[in-house]
Amino acid sequence: MTTPLRIRPAARALVITPAARVLLVRFEFPAGSRWALPGGGLEPGEDHVTALRRELREEVGLVDSAIGPHIWTREHHVAFINGLWDGQREHIHLVEVDEEFEPAPALPWSTLNEENIFELRWWDIDDMRTRDDIWWVPRALPDLIDEIVRSGTPSSPIDVEP
């Protein structure tokens, strides 16, 4: 009999401006850098929206943000957090902001670094497409963002590849 996977519930945000610039987080792992959407795991008693508000405040300094629709779902399997989890299932929500802001995390950088976070940056979709040297999470992130910009939000969440 196989042991069931321990999948951590998580919430992430596509933080996007009217000019289609997106705020991403650079994670550093032994396997290399990854640029991903801000967010993280749910704490006990939190729902996805509550967790996302907390994560956005802690990681990027975004307070009182309007959490939009759940647009994507992403599940990936990899052991992390000292083997406590076998993977993560993320609900990804749209968070529209009026303009770019200077990220000002509520957590100190030393704490963010312990969580493998080392940089916050706004990206343009066209710039993302020219960077074959960068590992986006999810891998098709530039195309997924472009689809949201061109067609709007999906009527129900779309499962996206890791």
N, C-alpha and C. Protein backbone atom coordinates (compact mmCIF):
# COMPACT_ATOMS: atom_id res chain seq x y z
N MET A 1 0.84 -1.18 0.00
CA MET A 1 0.00 0.00 0.00
C MET A 1 0.89 1.24 0.00
N THR A 2 0.55 2.21 -0.84
CA THR A 2 1.33 3.44 -0.91
C THR A 2 0.81 4.45 0.10
N THR A 3 1.73 5.24 0.59
CA THR A 3 1.38 6.30 1.53
C THR A 3 0.81 7.48 0.74
N PRO A 4 -0.32 8.04 1.16
CA PRO A 4 -0.86 9.20 0.44
C PRO A 4 0.10 10.39 0.54
N LEU A 5 0.13 11.16 -0.53
CA LEU A 5 0.97 12.36 -0.54
C LEU A 5 0.44 13.39 0.44
N ARG A 6 1.36 14.06 1.11
CA ARG A 6 1.01 15.15 2.01
C ARG A 6 1.12 16.44 1.20
N ILE A 7 -0.02 16.96 0.76
CA ILE A 7 -0.07 18.13 -0.12
C ILE A 7 -0.45 19.35 0.71
N ARG A 8 0.40 20.34 0.70
CA ARG A 8 0.16 21.59 1.44
C ARG A 8 -0.77 22.49 0.64
N PRO A 9 -1.85 22.99 1.24
CA PRO A 9 -2.68 23.97 0.55
C PRO A 9 -1.98 25.33 0.56
N ALA A 10 -2.07 26.04 -0.55
CA ALA A 10 -1.38 27.33 -0.67
C ALA A 10 -2.20 28.29 -1.52
N ALA A 11 -1.86 29.56 -1.42
CA ALA A 11 -2.51 30.61 -2.20
C ALA A 11 -1.44 31.51 -2.80
N ARG A 12 -1.61 31.88 -4.06
CA ARG A 12 -0.70 32.79 -4.74
C ARG A 12 -1.52 33.83 -5.49
N ALA A 13 -0.83 34.91 -5.89
CA ALA A 13 -1.52 36.02 -6.57
C ALA A 13 -0.81 36.41 -7.85
N LEU A 14 -1.59 36.63 -8.88
CA LEU A 14 -1.10 37.31 -10.08
C LEU A 14 -1.37 38.79 -9.82
N VAL A 15 -0.36 39.49 -9.30
CA VAL A 15 -0.46 40.93 -9.03
C VAL A 15 -0.11 41.64 -10.32
N ILE A 16 -1.07 42.37 -10.89
CA ILE A 16 -0.90 42.93 -12.23
C ILE A 16 -1.42 44.36 -12.30
N THR A 17 -0.72 45.19 -13.06
CA THR A 17 -1.12 46.59 -13.28
C THR A 17 -1.94 46.69 -14.57
N PRO A 18 -2.60 47.85 -14.80
CA PRO A 18 -3.30 48.04 -16.08
C PRO A 18 -2.36 47.96 -17.28
N ALA A 19 -1.07 48.24 -17.08
CA ALA A 19 -0.09 48.15 -18.17
C ALA A 19 0.44 46.72 -18.33
N ALA A 20 -0.18 45.76 -17.64
CA ALA A 20 0.18 44.34 -17.72
C ALA A 20 1.59 44.05 -17.22
N ARG A 21 2.00 44.79 -16.18
CA ARG A 21 3.25 44.46 -15.51
C ARG A 21 2.89 43.65 -14.27
N VAL A 22 3.69 42.61 -14.02
CA VAL A 22 3.38 41.68 -12.94
C VAL A 22 4.51 41.66 -11.91
N LEU A 23 4.12 41.49 -10.66
CA LEU A 23 5.07 41.44 -9.57
C LEU A 23 5.41 39.97 -9.29
N LEU A 24 6.70 39.65 -9.37
CA LEU A 24 7.15 38.29 -9.14
C LEU A 24 8.20 38.23 -8.03
N VAL A 25 8.37 37.05 -7.51
CA VAL A 25 9.29 36.77 -6.41
C VAL A 25 10.37 35.81 -6.93
N ARG A 26 11.64 36.13 -6.62
CA ARG A 26 12.73 35.20 -7.00
C ARG A 26 13.07 34.32 -5.81
N PHE A 27 12.88 33.02 -6.02
CA PHE A 27 13.23 32.01 -5.04
C PHE A 27 14.58 31.42 -5.42
N GLU A 28 15.39 31.11 -4.42
CA GLU A 28 16.67 30.43 -4.64
C GLU A 28 16.63 29.08 -3.95
N PHE A 29 16.83 28.03 -4.74
CA PHE A 29 16.85 26.67 -4.24
C PHE A 29 18.17 26.02 -4.65
N PRO A 30 18.53 24.90 -4.03
CA PRO A 30 19.76 24.22 -4.46
C PRO A 30 19.76 23.91 -5.96
N ALA A 31 18.59 23.66 -6.53
CA ALA A 31 18.49 23.34 -7.96
C ALA A 31 18.53 24.59 -8.84
N GLY A 32 18.51 25.79 -8.24
CA GLY A 32 18.58 27.02 -9.01
C GLY A 32 17.49 28.01 -8.67
N SER A 33 17.50 29.14 -9.40
CA SER A 33 16.53 30.21 -9.19
C SER A 33 15.21 29.89 -9.87
N ARG A 34 14.13 30.40 -9.29
CA ARG A 34 12.80 30.31 -9.88
C ARG A 34 12.11 31.64 -9.64
N TRP A 35 11.46 32.17 -10.67
CA TRP A 35 10.63 33.37 -10.52
C TRP A 35 9.18 32.90 -10.47
N ALA A 36 8.48 33.30 -9.42
CA ALA A 36 7.12 32.80 -9.19
C ALA A 36 6.22 33.92 -8.68
N LEU A 37 4.96 33.61 -8.58
CA LEU A 37 3.97 34.54 -8.06
C LEU A 37 4.09 34.60 -6.54
N PRO A 38 3.84 35.77 -5.94
CA PRO A 38 3.90 35.86 -4.48
C PRO A 38 2.77 35.05 -3.83
N GLY A 39 3.05 34.55 -2.64
CA GLY A 39 2.06 33.79 -1.90
C GLY A 39 2.73 32.68 -1.12
N GLY A 40 1.92 31.82 -0.53
CA GLY A 40 2.48 30.72 0.24
C GLY A 40 1.42 29.88 0.88
N GLY A 41 1.85 29.05 1.82
CA GLY A 41 0.98 28.07 2.44
C GLY A 41 -0.03 28.66 3.40
N LEU A 42 -1.14 27.95 3.52
CA LEU A 42 -2.18 28.33 4.47
C LEU A 42 -1.75 27.95 5.88
N GLU A 43 -2.02 28.82 6.83
CA GLU A 43 -1.82 28.52 8.25
C GLU A 43 -3.09 27.84 8.77
N PRO A 44 -2.99 27.11 9.88
CA PRO A 44 -4.19 26.46 10.42
C PRO A 44 -5.33 27.47 10.62
N GLY A 45 -6.52 27.10 10.15
CA GLY A 45 -7.70 27.94 10.30
C GLY A 45 -7.90 28.97 9.20
N GLU A 46 -6.91 29.14 8.31
CA GLU A 46 -7.04 30.13 7.23
C GLU A 46 -7.72 29.52 6.01
N ASP A 47 -8.49 30.35 5.31
CA ASP A 47 -8.94 29.97 3.98
C ASP A 47 -7.96 30.57 2.99
N HIS A 48 -8.14 30.29 1.70
CA HIS A 48 -7.17 30.75 0.70
C HIS A 48 -7.07 32.27 0.63
N VAL A 49 -8.19 32.97 0.70
CA VAL A 49 -8.17 34.43 0.59
C VAL A 49 -7.49 35.05 1.80
N THR A 50 -7.79 34.57 2.99
CA THR A 50 -7.15 35.09 4.21
C THR A 50 -5.64 34.86 4.16
N ALA A 51 -5.25 33.66 3.75
CA ALA A 51 -3.81 33.35 3.64
C ALA A 51 -3.14 34.25 2.61
N LEU A 52 -3.82 34.48 1.49
CA LEU A 52 -3.23 35.31 0.44
C LEU A 52 -3.04 36.75 0.92
N ARG A 53 -4.01 37.29 1.63
CA ARG A 53 -3.85 38.65 2.19
C ARG A 53 -2.62 38.71 3.10
N ARG A 54 -2.47 37.71 3.96
CA ARG A 54 -1.32 37.67 4.87
C ARG A 54 -0.02 37.56 4.10
N GLU A 55 0.02 36.65 3.14
CA GLU A 55 1.24 36.45 2.35
C GLU A 55 1.62 37.70 1.57
N LEU A 56 0.65 38.38 0.98
CA LEU A 56 0.95 39.60 0.21
C LEU A 56 1.50 40.70 1.12
N ARG A 57 0.96 40.80 2.34
CA ARG A 57 1.49 41.79 3.29
C ARG A 57 2.91 41.41 3.70
N GLU A 58 3.11 40.14 4.05
CA GLU A 58 4.42 39.70 4.53
C GLU A 58 5.49 39.78 3.46
N GLU A 59 5.19 39.32 2.24
CA GLU A 59 6.20 39.20 1.19
C GLU A 59 6.43 40.47 0.40
N VAL A 60 5.37 41.21 0.09
CA VAL A 60 5.53 42.36 -0.81
C VAL A 60 5.04 43.68 -0.22
N GLY A 61 4.39 43.63 0.96
CA GLY A 61 3.92 44.86 1.58
C GLY A 61 2.60 45.36 1.05
N LEU A 62 1.86 44.53 0.36
CA LEU A 62 0.56 44.93 -0.18
C LEU A 62 -0.49 44.71 0.90
N VAL A 63 -1.14 45.81 1.31
CA VAL A 63 -2.11 45.77 2.39
C VAL A 63 -3.48 46.15 1.84
N ASP A 64 -4.52 45.52 2.37
CA ASP A 64 -5.90 45.82 1.98
C ASP A 64 -6.14 45.66 0.49
N SER A 65 -5.52 44.68 -0.10
CA SER A 65 -5.71 44.47 -1.53
C SER A 65 -7.03 43.75 -1.78
N ALA A 66 -7.64 44.08 -2.91
CA ALA A 66 -8.86 43.40 -3.32
C ALA A 66 -8.44 42.09 -3.99
N ILE A 67 -8.81 40.99 -3.39
CA ILE A 67 -8.47 39.68 -3.96
C ILE A 67 -9.53 39.34 -5.00
N GLY A 68 -9.08 39.19 -6.23
CA GLY A 68 -9.98 38.88 -7.32
C GLY A 68 -10.26 37.40 -7.44
N PRO A 69 -10.77 37.00 -8.60
CA PRO A 69 -11.19 35.61 -8.78
C PRO A 69 -10.03 34.62 -8.76
N HIS A 70 -10.39 33.40 -8.40
CA HIS A 70 -9.47 32.25 -8.46
C HIS A 70 -9.36 31.89 -9.94
N ILE A 71 -8.19 32.16 -10.55
CA ILE A 71 -8.04 31.99 -12.00
C ILE A 71 -7.34 30.69 -12.39
N TRP A 72 -6.40 30.25 -11.58
CA TRP A 72 -5.63 29.05 -11.91
C TRP A 72 -5.48 28.18 -10.66
N THR A 73 -5.27 26.90 -10.89
CA THR A 73 -4.90 25.97 -9.84
C THR A 73 -3.65 25.24 -10.32
N ARG A 74 -2.70 25.08 -9.41
CA ARG A 74 -1.44 24.43 -9.78
C ARG A 74 -1.05 23.47 -8.67
N GLU A 75 -0.75 22.24 -9.04
CA GLU A 75 -0.26 21.27 -8.06
C GLU A 75 1.09 20.75 -8.52
N HIS A 76 2.03 20.72 -7.60
CA HIS A 76 3.34 20.16 -7.91
C HIS A 76 3.78 19.27 -6.76
N HIS A 77 4.56 18.26 -7.11
CA HIS A 77 5.01 17.29 -6.12
C HIS A 77 6.52 17.35 -5.98
N VAL A 78 6.97 17.74 -4.82
CA VAL A 78 8.38 17.78 -4.48
C VAL A 78 8.47 17.88 -2.95
N ALA A 79 9.36 17.13 -2.36
CA ALA A 79 9.51 17.19 -0.91
C ALA A 79 10.10 18.55 -0.52
N PHE A 80 9.50 19.21 0.47
CA PHE A 80 10.05 20.48 0.93
C PHE A 80 9.65 20.73 2.37
N ILE A 81 10.14 21.84 2.90
CA ILE A 81 10.00 22.22 4.30
C ILE A 81 10.45 21.04 5.18
N ASN A 82 11.72 20.69 4.97
CA ASN A 82 12.35 19.62 5.76
C ASN A 82 11.58 18.31 5.70
N GLY A 83 10.99 18.02 4.55
CA GLY A 83 10.30 16.76 4.36
C GLY A 83 8.90 16.69 4.95
N LEU A 84 8.40 17.81 5.46
CA LEU A 84 7.07 17.82 6.06
C LEU A 84 5.97 17.63 5.02
N TRP A 85 6.22 18.12 3.80
CA TRP A 85 5.22 18.06 2.73
C TRP A 85 5.82 17.37 1.51
N ASP A 86 4.95 16.73 0.73
CA ASP A 86 5.34 16.07 -0.51
C ASP A 86 5.00 16.91 -1.74
N GLY A 87 4.34 18.01 -1.52
CA GLY A 87 3.95 18.87 -2.64
C GLY A 87 3.04 19.98 -2.16
N GLN A 88 2.53 20.72 -3.13
CA GLN A 88 1.70 21.88 -2.82
C GLN A 88 0.62 22.03 -3.88
N ARG A 89 -0.59 22.37 -3.44
CA ARG A 89 -1.70 22.67 -4.35
C ARG A 89 -2.06 24.14 -4.14
N GLU A 90 -1.86 24.93 -5.19
CA GLU A 90 -2.01 26.38 -5.10
C GLU A 90 -3.29 26.85 -5.78
N HIS A 91 -4.02 27.71 -5.09
CA HIS A 91 -5.11 28.47 -5.70
C HIS A 91 -4.50 29.83 -6.05
N ILE A 92 -4.55 30.18 -7.31
CA ILE A 92 -3.94 31.43 -7.77
C ILE A 92 -5.06 32.40 -8.11
N HIS A 93 -5.01 33.57 -7.45
CA HIS A 93 -6.04 34.60 -7.61
C HIS A 93 -5.48 35.80 -8.37
N LEU A 94 -6.35 36.48 -9.07
CA LEU A 94 -6.01 37.74 -9.73
C LEU A 94 -6.08 38.86 -8.70
N VAL A 95 -5.03 39.68 -8.64
CA VAL A 95 -5.01 40.87 -7.78
C VAL A 95 -4.59 42.03 -8.66
N GLU A 96 -5.56 42.88 -8.99
CA GLU A 96 -5.28 44.03 -9.85
C GLU A 96 -4.93 45.23 -8.99
N VAL A 97 -3.84 45.90 -9.34
CA VAL A 97 -3.42 47.12 -8.64
C VAL A 97 -3.42 48.27 -9.64
N ASP A 98 -3.64 49.48 -9.15
CA ASP A 98 -3.73 50.65 -10.03
C ASP A 98 -2.43 50.99 -10.71
N GLU A 99 -1.32 50.73 -10.02
CA GLU A 99 -0.01 51.05 -10.56
C GLU A 99 1.05 50.25 -9.82
N GLU A 100 2.25 50.25 -10.39
CA GLU A 100 3.36 49.60 -9.71
C GLU A 100 3.61 50.30 -8.38
N PHE A 101 4.05 49.55 -7.41
CA PHE A 101 4.45 50.11 -6.12
C PHE A 101 5.79 49.50 -5.76
N GLU A 102 6.50 50.18 -4.90
CA GLU A 102 7.78 49.66 -4.44
C GLU A 102 7.50 48.60 -3.38
N PRO A 103 7.83 47.35 -3.66
CA PRO A 103 7.57 46.30 -2.66
C PRO A 103 8.29 46.61 -1.35
N ALA A 104 7.55 46.51 -0.26
CA ALA A 104 8.09 46.76 1.08
C ALA A 104 7.60 45.66 2.01
N PRO A 105 8.26 44.51 1.99
CA PRO A 105 7.79 43.37 2.79
C PRO A 105 7.65 43.72 4.27
N ALA A 106 6.61 43.16 4.90
CA ALA A 106 6.43 43.33 6.34
C ALA A 106 7.44 42.48 7.11
N LEU A 107 7.86 41.38 6.51
CA LEU A 107 8.86 40.53 7.16
C LEU A 107 10.26 41.04 6.84
N PRO A 108 11.20 40.87 7.76
CA PRO A 108 12.58 41.27 7.46
C PRO A 108 13.16 40.36 6.37
N TRP A 109 14.12 40.90 5.61
CA TRP A 109 14.71 40.12 4.53
C TRP A 109 15.38 38.85 5.04
N SER A 110 15.89 38.87 6.26
CA SER A 110 16.51 37.66 6.80
C SER A 110 15.48 36.53 6.90
N THR A 111 14.27 36.86 7.29
CA THR A 111 13.20 35.86 7.36
C THR A 111 12.79 35.41 5.97
N LEU A 112 12.67 36.37 5.03
CA LEU A 112 12.33 36.00 3.65
C LEU A 112 13.41 35.11 3.05
N ASN A 113 14.67 35.43 3.31
CA ASN A 113 15.76 34.59 2.81
C ASN A 113 15.67 33.17 3.35
N GLU A 114 15.27 33.03 4.61
CA GLU A 114 15.09 31.69 5.18
C GLU A 114 13.99 30.92 4.44
N GLU A 115 13.06 31.66 3.83
CA GLU A 115 11.99 31.05 3.04
C GLU A 115 12.38 30.99 1.56
N ASN A 116 13.66 31.19 1.28
CA ASN A 116 14.24 31.11 -0.08
C ASN A 116 13.86 32.28 -0.97
N ILE A 117 13.34 33.36 -0.42
CA ILE A 117 12.97 34.55 -1.20
C ILE A 117 14.13 35.53 -1.16
N PHE A 118 14.57 35.98 -2.37
CA PHE A 118 15.73 36.86 -2.43
C PHE A 118 15.53 38.12 -3.25
N GLU A 119 14.42 38.23 -3.97
CA GLU A 119 14.21 39.42 -4.79
C GLU A 119 12.74 39.55 -5.14
N LEU A 120 12.29 40.80 -5.27
CA LEU A 120 10.94 41.13 -5.74
C LEU A 120 11.11 42.07 -6.91
N ARG A 121 10.38 41.82 -7.97
CA ARG A 121 10.58 42.65 -9.16
C ARG A 121 9.31 42.67 -10.02
N TRP A 122 9.08 43.83 -10.65
CA TRP A 122 8.01 43.96 -11.64
C TRP A 122 8.55 43.53 -12.99
N TRP A 123 7.75 42.77 -13.73
CA TRP A 123 8.13 42.26 -15.04
C TRP A 123 7.09 42.65 -16.08
N ASP A 124 7.56 42.90 -17.29
CA ASP A 124 6.73 43.12 -18.47
C ASP A 124 6.65 41.78 -19.21
N ILE A 125 5.49 41.45 -19.76
CA ILE A 125 5.33 40.17 -20.46
C ILE A 125 6.36 40.02 -21.58
N ASP A 126 6.58 41.07 -22.34
CA ASP A 126 7.54 40.98 -23.45
C ASP A 126 8.95 40.68 -22.93
N ASP A 127 9.33 41.31 -21.81
CA ASP A 127 10.63 41.02 -21.21
C ASP A 127 10.71 39.57 -20.77
N MET A 128 9.62 39.07 -20.20
CA MET A 128 9.60 37.68 -19.75
C MET A 128 9.82 36.73 -20.92
N ARG A 129 9.21 37.03 -22.04
CA ARG A 129 9.31 36.15 -23.21
C ARG A 129 10.73 36.08 -23.77
N THR A 130 11.53 37.13 -23.57
CA THR A 130 12.89 37.14 -24.11
C THR A 130 13.89 36.42 -23.21
N ARG A 131 13.48 36.03 -22.03
CA ARG A 131 14.41 35.45 -21.05
C ARG A 131 14.31 33.93 -21.00
N ASP A 132 14.99 33.29 -21.93
CA ASP A 132 15.02 31.83 -21.96
C ASP A 132 15.87 31.25 -20.83
N ASP A 133 16.65 32.11 -20.18
CA ASP A 133 17.53 31.65 -19.11
C ASP A 133 16.83 31.59 -17.75
N ILE A 134 15.57 32.01 -17.70
CA ILE A 134 14.85 32.07 -16.43
C ILE A 134 13.82 30.96 -16.35
N TRP A 135 13.72 30.35 -15.17
CA TRP A 135 12.72 29.32 -14.92
C TRP A 135 11.51 30.00 -14.28
N TRP A 136 10.43 30.10 -15.03
CA TRP A 136 9.18 30.70 -14.54
C TRP A 136 8.36 29.61 -13.85
N VAL A 137 7.63 30.00 -12.83
CA VAL A 137 6.73 29.07 -12.14
C VAL A 137 5.35 29.70 -12.09
N PRO A 138 4.38 29.08 -12.80
CA PRO A 138 4.51 27.91 -13.65
C PRO A 138 5.32 28.21 -14.91
N ARG A 139 5.80 27.15 -15.57
CA ARG A 139 6.70 27.32 -16.72
C ARG A 139 6.09 28.19 -17.81
N ALA A 140 4.79 28.06 -18.05
CA ALA A 140 4.12 28.82 -19.12
C ALA A 140 3.61 30.17 -18.63
N LEU A 141 4.17 30.70 -17.55
CA LEU A 141 3.66 31.93 -16.94
C LEU A 141 3.48 33.07 -17.93
N PRO A 142 4.45 33.39 -18.81
CA PRO A 142 4.21 34.49 -19.75
C PRO A 142 2.98 34.27 -20.63
N ASP A 143 2.78 33.05 -21.11
CA ASP A 143 1.60 32.76 -21.94
C ASP A 143 0.32 32.84 -21.13
N LEU A 144 0.35 32.36 -19.90
CA LEU A 144 -0.83 32.41 -19.05
C LEU A 144 -1.24 33.85 -18.75
N ILE A 145 -0.25 34.70 -18.48
CA ILE A 145 -0.54 36.12 -18.22
C ILE A 145 -1.10 36.76 -19.48
N ASP A 146 -0.49 36.48 -20.61
CA ASP A 146 -0.96 37.04 -21.88
C ASP A 146 -2.42 36.66 -22.13
N GLU A 147 -2.79 35.44 -21.83
CA GLU A 147 -4.18 34.99 -22.03
C GLU A 147 -5.14 35.78 -21.14
N ILE A 148 -4.74 36.07 -19.90
CA ILE A 148 -5.57 36.88 -19.00
C ILE A 148 -5.72 38.29 -19.56
N VAL A 149 -4.62 38.86 -20.04
CA VAL A 149 -4.64 40.23 -20.58
C VAL A 149 -5.54 40.30 -21.82
N ARG A 150 -5.40 39.32 -22.71
CA ARG A 150 -6.16 39.33 -23.97
C ARG A 150 -7.62 38.93 -23.79
N SER A 151 -7.89 37.92 -22.97
CA SER A 151 -9.23 37.34 -22.92
C SER A 151 -9.97 37.55 -21.61
N GLY A 152 -9.29 38.09 -20.61
CA GLY A 152 -9.94 38.26 -19.31
C GLY A 152 -9.85 36.99 -18.48
N THR A 153 -10.52 37.01 -17.36
CA THR A 153 -10.44 35.88 -16.44
C THR A 153 -11.29 34.72 -16.93
N PRO A 154 -10.86 33.50 -16.66
CA PRO A 154 -11.65 32.34 -17.08
C PRO A 154 -12.92 32.24 -16.23
N SER A 155 -13.93 31.56 -16.76
CA SER A 155 -15.19 31.41 -16.03
C SER A 155 -15.04 30.49 -14.82
N SER A 156 -14.05 29.62 -14.85
CA SER A 156 -13.72 28.78 -13.70
C SER A 156 -12.20 28.58 -13.71
N PRO A 157 -11.62 28.25 -12.56
CA PRO A 157 -10.16 28.11 -12.50
C PRO A 157 -9.64 27.07 -13.48
N ILE A 158 -8.49 27.37 -14.07
CA ILE A 158 -7.83 26.48 -15.02
C ILE A 158 -6.67 25.80 -14.31
N ASP A 159 -6.56 24.48 -14.49
CA ASP A 159 -5.39 23.76 -13.98
C ASP A 159 -4.21 24.09 -14.87
N VAL A 160 -3.12 24.55 -14.26
CA VAL A 160 -1.92 24.87 -15.03
C VAL A 160 -0.81 23.91 -14.64
N GLU A 161 0.08 23.68 -15.59
CA GLU A 161 1.20 22.76 -15.36
C GLU A 161 2.19 23.39 -14.39
N PRO A 162 2.92 22.52 -13.69
CA PRO A 162 3.91 23.02 -12.74
C PRO A 162 4.95 23.86 -13.43
